[in-house]
PDB file of N, CA and C in Angstrom:
ATOM      1  N   MET A   1     143.890-185.613 -84.365  1.00  0.00           N
ATOM      2  CA  MET A   1     144.974-185.981 -85.269  1.00  0.00           C
ATOM      3  C   MET A   1     145.964-186.879 -84.530  1.00  0.00           C
ATOM      4  N   ALA A   2     146.483-187.866 -85.230  1.00  0.00           N
ATOM      5  CA  ALA A   2     147.448-188.794 -84.650  1.00  0.00           C
ATOM      6  C   ALA A   2     148.796-188.099 -84.458  1.00  0.00           C
ATOM      7  N   ASP A   3     149.527-188.510 -83.424  1.00  0.00           N
ATOM      8  CA  ASP A   3     150.882-188.004 -83.249  1.00  0.00           C
ATOM      9  C   ASP A   3     151.861-189.059 -83.764  1.00  0.00           C
ATOM     10  N   CYS A   4     153.146-188.762 -83.713  1.00  0.00           N
ATOM     11  CA  CYS A   4     154.158-189.676 -84.246  1.00  0.00           C
ATOM     12  C   CYS A   4     154.123-191.033 -83.538  1.00  0.00           C
ATOM     13  N   GLU A   5     154.033-191.013 -82.231  1.00  0.00           N
ATOM     14  CA  GLU A   5     154.036-192.263 -81.469  1.00  0.00           C
ATOM     15  C   GLU A   5     152.859-193.150 -81.869  1.00  0.00           C
ATOM     16  N   GLU A   6     151.680-192.572 -81.933  1.00  0.00           N
ATOM     17  CA  GLU A   6     150.493-193.335 -82.315  1.00  0.00           C
ATOM     18  C   GLU A   6     150.601-193.826 -83.754  1.00  0.00           C
ATOM     19  N   THR A   7     151.068-192.962 -84.634  1.00  0.00           N
ATOM     20  CA  THR A   7     151.206-193.337 -86.049  1.00  0.00           C
ATOM     21  C   THR A   7     152.144-194.527 -86.199  1.00  0.00           C
ATOM     22  N   LEU A   8     153.300-194.467 -85.583  1.00  0.00           N
ATOM     23  CA  LEU A   8     154.263-195.562 -85.697  1.00  0.00           C
ATOM     24  C   LEU A   8     153.753-196.838 -85.044  1.00  0.00           C
ATOM     25  N   ARG A   9     153.019-196.697 -83.937  1.00  0.00           N
ATOM     26  CA  ARG A   9     152.454-197.863 -83.253  1.00  0.00           C
ATOM     27  C   ARG A   9     151.397-198.550 -84.127  1.00  0.00           C
ATOM     28  N   GLU A  10     150.628-197.765 -84.859  1.00  0.00           N
ATOM     29  CA  GLU A  10     149.528-198.302 -85.665  1.00  0.00           C
ATOM     30  C   GLU A  10     149.898-198.551 -87.127  1.00  0.00           C
ATOM     31  N   LEU A  11     151.159-198.362 -87.493  1.00  0.00           N
ATOM     32  CA  LEU A  11     151.562-198.439 -88.889  1.00  0.00           C
ATOM     33  C   LEU A  11     151.250-199.796 -89.522  1.00  0.00           C
ATOM     34  N   GLU A  12     151.567-200.868 -88.843  1.00  0.00           N
ATOM     35  CA  GLU A  12     151.298-202.203 -89.406  1.00  0.00           C
ATOM     36  C   GLU A  12     149.794-202.446 -89.556  1.00  0.00           C
ATOM     37  N   THR A  13     149.029-202.017 -88.574  1.00  0.00           N
ATOM     38  CA  THR A  13     147.575-202.155 -88.651  1.00  0.00           C
ATOM     39  C   THR A  13     147.025-201.324 -89.801  1.00  0.00           C
ATOM     40  N   TYR A  14     147.577-200.140 -89.989  1.00  0.00           N
ATOM     41  CA  TYR A  14     147.193-199.274 -91.100  1.00  0.00           C
ATOM     42  C   TYR A  14     147.510-199.958 -92.434  1.00  0.00           C
ATOM     43  N   LEU A  15     148.707-200.511 -92.551  1.00  0.00           N
ATOM     44  CA  LEU A  15     149.109-201.192 -93.791  1.00  0.00           C
ATOM     45  C   LEU A  15     148.262-202.432 -94.062  1.00  0.00           C
ATOM     46  N   ASP A  16     147.748-203.052 -93.005  1.00  0.00           N
ATOM     47  CA  ASP A  16     146.885-204.231 -93.147  1.00  0.00           C
ATOM     48  C   ASP A  16     145.434-203.856 -93.424  1.00  0.00           C
ATOM     49  N   HIS A  17     145.140-202.555 -93.486  1.00  0.00           N
ATOM     50  CA  HIS A  17     143.774-202.057 -93.717  1.00  0.00           C
ATOM     51  C   HIS A  17     142.819-202.543 -92.627  1.00  0.00           C
ATOM     52  N   GLU A  18     143.297-202.546 -91.381  1.00  0.00           N
ATOM     53  CA  GLU A  18     142.501-203.038 -90.260  1.00  0.00           C
ATOM     54  C   GLU A  18     142.044-201.932 -89.303  1.00  0.00           C
ATOM     55  N   LEU A  19     142.253-200.684 -89.667  1.00  0.00           N
ATOM     56  CA  LEU A  19     141.816-199.580 -88.816  1.00  0.00           C
ATOM     57  C   LEU A  19     140.419-199.130 -89.219  1.00  0.00           C
ATOM     58  N   ASP A  20     139.664-198.642 -88.241  1.00  0.00           N
ATOM     59  CA  ASP A  20     138.369-198.058 -88.589  1.00  0.00           C
ATOM     60  C   ASP A  20     138.611-196.725 -89.299  1.00  0.00           C
ATOM     61  N   ALA A  21     137.571-196.199 -89.918  1.00  0.00           N
ATOM     62  CA  ALA A  21     137.712-195.001 -90.754  1.00  0.00           C
ATOM     63  C   ALA A  21     138.302-193.798 -90.011  1.00  0.00           C
ATOM     64  N   PRO A  22     137.840-193.478 -88.801  1.00  0.00           N
ATOM     65  CA  PRO A  22     138.430-192.315 -88.119  1.00  0.00           C
ATOM     66  C   PRO A  22     139.928-192.484 -87.823  1.00  0.00           C
ATOM     67  N   ALA A  23     140.326-193.675 -87.395  1.00  0.00           N
ATOM     68  CA  ALA A  23     141.742-193.920 -87.096  1.00  0.00           C
ATOM     69  C   ALA A  23     142.566-193.881 -88.380  1.00  0.00           C
ATOM     70  N   ARG A  24     142.041-194.477 -89.430  1.00  0.00           N
ATOM     71  CA  ARG A  24     142.734-194.465 -90.726  1.00  0.00           C
ATOM     72  C   ARG A  24     142.914-193.026 -91.223  1.00  0.00           C
ATOM     73  N   ASP A  25     141.858-192.231 -91.112  1.00  0.00           N
ATOM     74  CA  ASP A  25     141.923-190.840 -91.566  1.00  0.00           C
ATOM     75  C   ASP A  25     142.938-190.043 -90.746  1.00  0.00           C
ATOM     76  N   ALA A  26     143.006-190.307 -89.452  1.00  0.00           N
ATOM     77  CA  ALA A  26     143.964-189.608 -88.591  1.00  0.00           C
ATOM     78  C   ALA A  26     145.397-189.962 -88.975  1.00  0.00           C
ATOM     79  N   ILE A  27     145.641-191.242 -89.246  1.00  0.00           N
ATOM     80  CA  ILE A  27     146.983-191.670 -89.652  1.00  0.00           C
ATOM     81  C   ILE A  27     147.337-191.050 -90.999  1.00  0.00           C
ATOM     82  N   GLN A  28     146.409-191.070 -91.956  1.00  0.00           N
ATOM     83  CA  GLN A  28     146.663-190.473 -93.269  1.00  0.00           C
ATOM     84  C   GLN A  28     146.976-188.989 -93.149  1.00  0.00           C
ATOM     85  N   ALA A  29     146.224-188.284 -92.319  1.00  0.00           N
ATOM     86  CA  ALA A  29     146.460-186.857 -92.131  1.00  0.00           C
ATOM     87  C   ALA A  29     147.844-186.616 -91.530  1.00  0.00           C
ATOM     88  N   HIS A  30     148.221-187.458 -90.569  1.00  0.00           N
ATOM     89  CA  HIS A  30     149.537-187.299 -89.954  1.00  0.00           C
ATOM     90  C   HIS A  30     150.637-187.578 -90.972  1.00  0.00           C
ATOM     91  N   LEU A  31     150.493-188.621 -91.762  1.00  0.00           N
ATOM     92  CA  LEU A  31     151.507-188.953 -92.762  1.00  0.00           C
ATOM     93  C   LEU A  31     151.675-187.834 -93.784  1.00  0.00           C
ATOM     94  N   THR A  32     150.598-187.150 -94.071  1.00  0.00           N
ATOM     95  CA  THR A  32     150.655-186.046 -95.031  1.00  0.00           C
ATOM     96  C   THR A  32     151.533-184.906 -94.524  1.00  0.00           C
ATOM     97  N   GLY A  33     151.541-184.702 -93.204  1.00  0.00           N
ATOM     98  CA  GLY A  33     152.274-183.573 -92.650  1.00  0.00           C
ATOM     99  C   GLY A  33     153.567-183.896 -91.934  1.00  0.00           C
ATOM    100  N   CYS A  34     153.930-185.170 -91.849  1.00  0.00           N
ATOM    101  CA  CYS A  34     155.121-185.548 -91.069  1.00  0.00           C
ATOM    102  C   CYS A  34     156.064-186.378 -91.942  1.00  0.00           C
ATOM    103  N   MET A  35     157.151-185.771 -92.363  1.00  0.00           N
ATOM    104  CA  MET A  35     158.100-186.448 -93.249  1.00  0.00           C
ATOM    105  C   MET A  35     158.744-187.665 -92.583  1.00  0.00           C
ATOM    106  N   ASP A  36     159.039-187.588 -91.289  1.00  0.00           N
ATOM    107  CA  ASP A  36     159.667-188.720 -90.596  1.00  0.00           C
ATOM    108  C   ASP A  36     158.747-189.944 -90.600  1.00  0.00           C
ATOM    109  N   CYS A  37     157.481-189.748 -90.273  1.00  0.00           N
ATOM    110  CA  CYS A  37     156.542-190.871 -90.256  1.00  0.00           C
ATOM    111  C   CYS A  37     156.252-191.369 -91.673  1.00  0.00           C
ATOM    112  N   LEU A  38     156.223-190.461 -92.631  1.00  0.00           N
ATOM    113  CA  LEU A  38     156.015-190.864 -94.025  1.00  0.00           C
ATOM    114  C   LEU A  38     157.169-191.733 -94.507  1.00  0.00           C
ATOM    115  N   GLN A  39     158.390-191.393 -94.112  1.00  0.00           N
ATOM    116  CA  GLN A  39     159.542-192.219 -94.473  1.00  0.00           C
ATOM    117  C   GLN A  39     159.447-193.597 -93.827  1.00  0.00           C
ATOM    118  N   ALA A  40     159.011-193.665 -92.579  1.00  0.00           N
ATOM    119  CA  ALA A  40     158.819-194.958 -91.910  1.00  0.00           C
ATOM    120  C   ALA A  40     157.742-195.760 -92.631  1.00  0.00           C
ATOM    121  N   PHE A  41     156.653-195.094 -92.995  1.00  0.00           N
ATOM    122  CA  PHE A  41     155.582-195.759 -93.747  1.00  0.00           C
ATOM    123  C   PHE A  41     156.125-196.313 -95.059  1.00  0.00           C
ATOM    124  N   ASP A  42     156.852-195.500 -95.815  1.00  0.00           N
ATOM    125  CA  ASP A  42     157.405-195.951 -97.096  1.00  0.00           C
ATOM    126  C   ASP A  42     158.318-197.162 -96.907  1.00  0.00           C
ATOM    127  N   PHE A  43     159.146-197.133 -95.861  1.00  0.00           N
ATOM    128  CA  PHE A  43     160.043-198.249 -95.587  1.00  0.00           C
ATOM    129  C   PHE A  43     159.256-199.521 -95.301  1.00  0.00           C
ATOM    130  N   HIS A  44     158.264-199.433 -94.429  1.00  0.00           N
ATOM    131  CA  HIS A  44     157.472-200.612 -94.071  1.00  0.00           C
ATOM    132  C   HIS A  44     156.683-201.145 -95.269  1.00  0.00           C
ATOM    133  N   ALA A  45     156.130-200.253 -96.063  1.00  0.00           N
ATOM    134  CA  ALA A  45     155.366-200.674 -97.241  1.00  0.00           C
ATOM    135  C   ALA A  45     156.283-201.382 -98.241  1.00  0.00           C
ATOM    136  N   GLU A  46     157.465-200.836 -98.468  1.00  0.00           N
ATOM    137  CA  GLU A  46     158.414-201.454 -99.400  1.00  0.00           C
ATOM    138  C   GLU A  46     158.913-202.796 -98.859  1.00  0.00           C
ATOM    139  N   LEU A  47     159.174-202.854 -97.566  1.00  0.00           N
ATOM    140  CA  LEU A  47     159.626-204.104 -96.940  1.00  0.00           C
ATOM    141  C   LEU A  47     158.578-205.197 -97.114  1.00  0.00           C
ATOM    142  N   ARG A  48     157.318-204.860 -96.920  1.00  0.00           N
ATOM    143  CA  ARG A  48     156.232-205.831 -97.117  1.00  0.00           C
ATOM    144  C   ARG A  48     156.208-206.335 -98.556  1.00  0.00           C
ATOM    145  N   THR A  49     156.403-205.430 -99.505  1.00  0.00           N
ATOM    146  CA  THR A  49     156.395-205.803-100.916  1.00  0.00           C
ATOM    147  C   THR A  49     157.528-206.769-101.224  1.00  0.00           C
ATOM    148  N   VAL A  50     158.715-206.467-100.724  1.00  0.00           N
ATOM    149  CA  VAL A  50     159.880-207.325-100.966  1.00  0.00           C
ATOM    150  C   VAL A  50     159.680-208.694-100.320  1.00  0.00           C
ATOM    151  N   ILE A  51     159.217-208.723 -99.084  1.00  0.00           N
ATOM    152  CA  ILE A  51     159.004-210.003 -98.391  1.00  0.00           C
ATOM    153  C   ILE A  51     157.933-210.818 -99.103  1.00  0.00           C
ATOM    154  N   SER A  52     156.866-210.183 -99.502  1.00  0.00           N
ATOM    155  CA  SER A  52     155.786-210.878-100.202  1.00  0.00           C
ATOM    156  C   SER A  52     156.288-211.491-101.503  1.00  0.00           C
ATOM    157  N   ALA A  53     157.036-210.723-102.264  1.00  0.00           N
ATOM    158  CA  ALA A  53     157.567-211.231-103.538  1.00  0.00           C
ATOM    159  C   ALA A  53     158.530-212.389-103.293  1.00  0.00           C
ATOM    160  N   LYS A  54     159.373-212.267-102.304  1.00  0.00           N
ATOM    161  CA  LYS A  54     160.342-213.322-101.990  1.00  0.00           C
ATOM    162  C   LYS A  54     159.642-214.599-101.539  1.00  0.00           C
ATOM    163  N   CYS A  55     158.616-214.452-100.715  1.00  0.00           N
ATOM    164  CA  CYS A  55     157.914-215.625-100.198  1.00  0.00           C
ATOM    165  C   CYS A  55     157.135-216.348-101.292  1.00  0.00           C
ATOM    166  N   GLN A  56     156.670-215.631-102.280  1.00  0.00           N
ATOM    167  CA  GLN A  56     155.901-216.257-103.350  1.00  0.00           C
ATOM    168  C   GLN A  56     156.788-216.989-104.336  1.00  0.00           C
ATOM    169  N   SER A  57     158.043-216.603-104.427  1.00  0.00           N
ATOM    170  CA  SER A  57     158.911-217.223-105.422  1.00  0.00           C
ATOM    171  C   SER A  57     159.731-218.389-104.875  1.00  0.00           C
ATOM    172  N   ASP A  58     159.803-218.537-103.585  1.00  0.00           N
ATOM    173  CA  ASP A  58     160.581-219.624-102.982  1.00  0.00           C
ATOM    174  C   ASP A  58     159.671-220.774-102.580  1.00  0.00           C
ATOM    175  N   GLU A  59     160.150-221.985-102.817  1.00  0.00           N
ATOM    176  CA  GLU A  59     159.410-223.162-102.365  1.00  0.00           C
ATOM    177  C   GLU A  59     159.715-223.417-100.895  1.00  0.00           C
ATOM    178  N   LEU A  60     158.737-224.018-100.213  1.00  0.00           N
ATOM    179  CA  LEU A  60     158.956-224.383 -98.819  1.00  0.00           C
ATOM    180  C   LEU A  60     160.006-225.479 -98.738  1.00  0.00           C
ATOM    181  N   PRO A  61     160.872-225.410 -97.745  1.00  0.00           N
ATOM    182  CA  PRO A  61     161.830-226.499 -97.543  1.00  0.00           C
ATOM    183  C   PRO A  61     161.077-227.804 -97.246  1.00  0.00           C
ATOM    184  N   ALA A  62     161.666-228.906 -97.662  1.00  0.00           N
ATOM    185  CA  ALA A  62     161.063-230.217 -97.432  1.00  0.00           C
ATOM    186  C   ALA A  62     160.769-230.406 -95.959  1.00  0.00           C
ATOM    187  N   GLY A  63     159.573-230.839 -95.660  1.00  0.00           N
ATOM    188  CA  GLY A  63     159.182-231.147 -94.293  1.00  0.00           C
ATOM    189  C   GLY A  63     158.662-229.964 -93.485  1.00  0.00           C
ATOM    190  N   LEU A  64     158.783-228.746 -93.991  1.00  0.00           N
ATOM    191  CA  LEU A  64     158.338-227.590 -93.223  1.00  0.00           C
ATOM    192  C   LEU A  64     156.834-227.599 -93.005  1.00  0.00           C
ATOM    193  N   MET A  65     156.049-227.928 -94.025  1.00  0.00           N
ATOM    194  CA  MET A  65     154.595-227.933 -93.872  1.00  0.00           C
ATOM    195  C   MET A  65     154.174-228.955 -92.814  1.00  0.00           C
ATOM    196  N   ALA A  66     154.812-230.104 -92.776  1.00  0.00           N
ATOM    197  CA  ALA A  66     154.489-231.113 -91.768  1.00  0.00           C
ATOM    198  C   ALA A  66     154.794-230.585 -90.362  1.00  0.00           C
ATOM    199  N   LYS A  67     155.889-229.865 -90.202  1.00  0.00           N
ATOM    200  CA  LYS A  67     156.230-229.287 -88.902  1.00  0.00           C
ATOM    201  C   LYS A  67     155.195-228.248 -88.489  1.00  0.00           C
ATOM    202  N   ILE A  68     154.770-227.429 -89.434  1.00  0.00           N
ATOM    203  CA  ILE A  68     153.751-226.415 -89.142  1.00  0.00           C
ATOM    204  C   ILE A  68     152.449-227.087 -88.735  1.00  0.00           C
ATOM    205  N   GLU A  69     152.056-228.112 -89.460  1.00  0.00           N
ATOM    206  CA  GLU A  69     150.825-228.843 -89.136  1.00  0.00           C
ATOM    207  C   GLU A  69     150.886-229.422 -87.731  1.00  0.00           C
ATOM    208  N   ARG A  70     152.032-229.963 -87.343  1.00  0.00           N
ATOM    209  CA  ARG A  70     152.171-230.517 -85.989  1.00  0.00           C
ATOM    210  C   ARG A  70     152.060-229.421 -84.936  1.00  0.00           C
ATOM    211  N   CYS A  71     152.592-228.257 -85.219  1.00  0.00           N
ATOM    212  CA  CYS A  71     152.536-227.142 -84.262  1.00  0.00           C
ATOM    213  C   CYS A  71     151.103-226.690 -84.013  1.00  0.00           C
ATOM    214  N   PHE A  72     150.285-226.665 -85.062  1.00  0.00           N
ATOM    215  CA  PHE A  72     148.924-226.171 -84.932  1.00  0.00           C
ATOM    216  C   PHE A  72     147.918-227.268 -84.626  1.00  0.00           C
ATOM    217  N   GLY A  73     148.301-228.501 -84.827  1.00  0.00           N
ATOM    218  CA  GLY A  73     147.431-229.628 -84.514  1.00  0.00           C
ATOM    219  C   GLY A  73     146.091-229.534 -85.214  1.00  0.00           C
ATOM    220  N   GLU A  74     145.023-229.649 -84.462  1.00  0.00           N
ATOM    221  CA  GLU A  74     143.675-229.685 -85.011  1.00  0.00           C
ATOM    222  C   GLU A  74     143.237-228.349 -85.603  1.00  0.00           C
ATOM    223  N   ASP A  75     143.860-227.252 -85.204  1.00  0.00           N
ATOM    224  CA  ASP A  75     143.458-225.941 -85.701  1.00  0.00           C
ATOM    225  C   ASP A  75     143.938-225.678 -87.124  1.00  0.00           C
ATOM    226  N   PHE A  76     144.784-226.542 -87.654  1.00  0.00           N
ATOM    227  CA  PHE A  76     145.348-226.342 -88.988  1.00  0.00           C
ATOM    228  C   PHE A  76     144.589-227.219 -89.961  1.00  0.00           C
ATOM    229  N   ASP A  77     144.084-226.629 -91.057  1.00  0.00           N
ATOM    230  CA  ASP A  77     143.242-227.402 -91.964  1.00  0.00           C
ATOM    231  C   ASP A  77     144.002-228.053 -93.114  1.00  0.00           C
ATOM    232  N   GLY A  78     145.326-227.867 -93.211  1.00  0.00           N
ATOM    233  CA  GLY A  78     146.107-228.524 -94.238  1.00  0.00           C
ATOM    234  C   GLY A  78     146.181-227.771 -95.542  1.00  0.00           C
ATOM    235  N   ASP A  79     145.369-226.753 -95.726  1.00  0.00           N
ATOM    236  CA  ASP A  79     145.406-225.933 -96.946  1.00  0.00           C
ATOM    237  C   ASP A  79     146.245-224.677 -96.732  1.00  0.00           C
ATOM    238  N   GLY A  80     146.968-224.616 -95.643  1.00  0.00           N
ATOM    239  CA  GLY A  80     147.741-223.433 -95.345  1.00  0.00           C
ATOM    240  C   GLY A  80     146.948-222.392 -94.578  1.00  0.00           C
ATOM    241  N   ARG A  81     145.748-222.768 -94.171  1.00  0.00           N
ATOM    242  CA  ARG A  81     144.903-221.830 -93.419  1.00  0.00           C
ATOM    243  C   ARG A  81     144.695-222.379 -92.019  1.00  0.00           C
ATOM    244  N   ILE A  82     144.513-221.471 -91.106  1.00  0.00           N
ATOM    245  CA  ILE A  82     144.240-221.855 -89.718  1.00  0.00           C
ATOM    246  C   ILE A  82     142.759-221.625 -89.475  1.00  0.00           C
ATOM    247  N   GLY A  83     142.134-222.589 -88.839  1.00  0.00           N
ATOM    248  CA  GLY A  83     140.736-222.365 -88.524  1.00  0.00           C
ATOM    249  C   GLY A  83     139.938-223.551 -88.500  1.00  0.00           C
TER     250      GLY A  83
END
């Protein structure tokens, strides 16, 4: 079973659905029994929702995409994806 330190360290990875099944199950089990970590999880999940909604509704400032493209150079494909 995960402890508080491990749960908090892996919280973002858990929210990104990037943990393997045993690690995910351990985090879920810990969240079920630990109110402090569950509150941290709820905060992070809500924060992601708010940031996602805000980012989708705002237009990029003029020239920002060009600056990003220059930063990534050849690794940036121009569609907003790296690779």
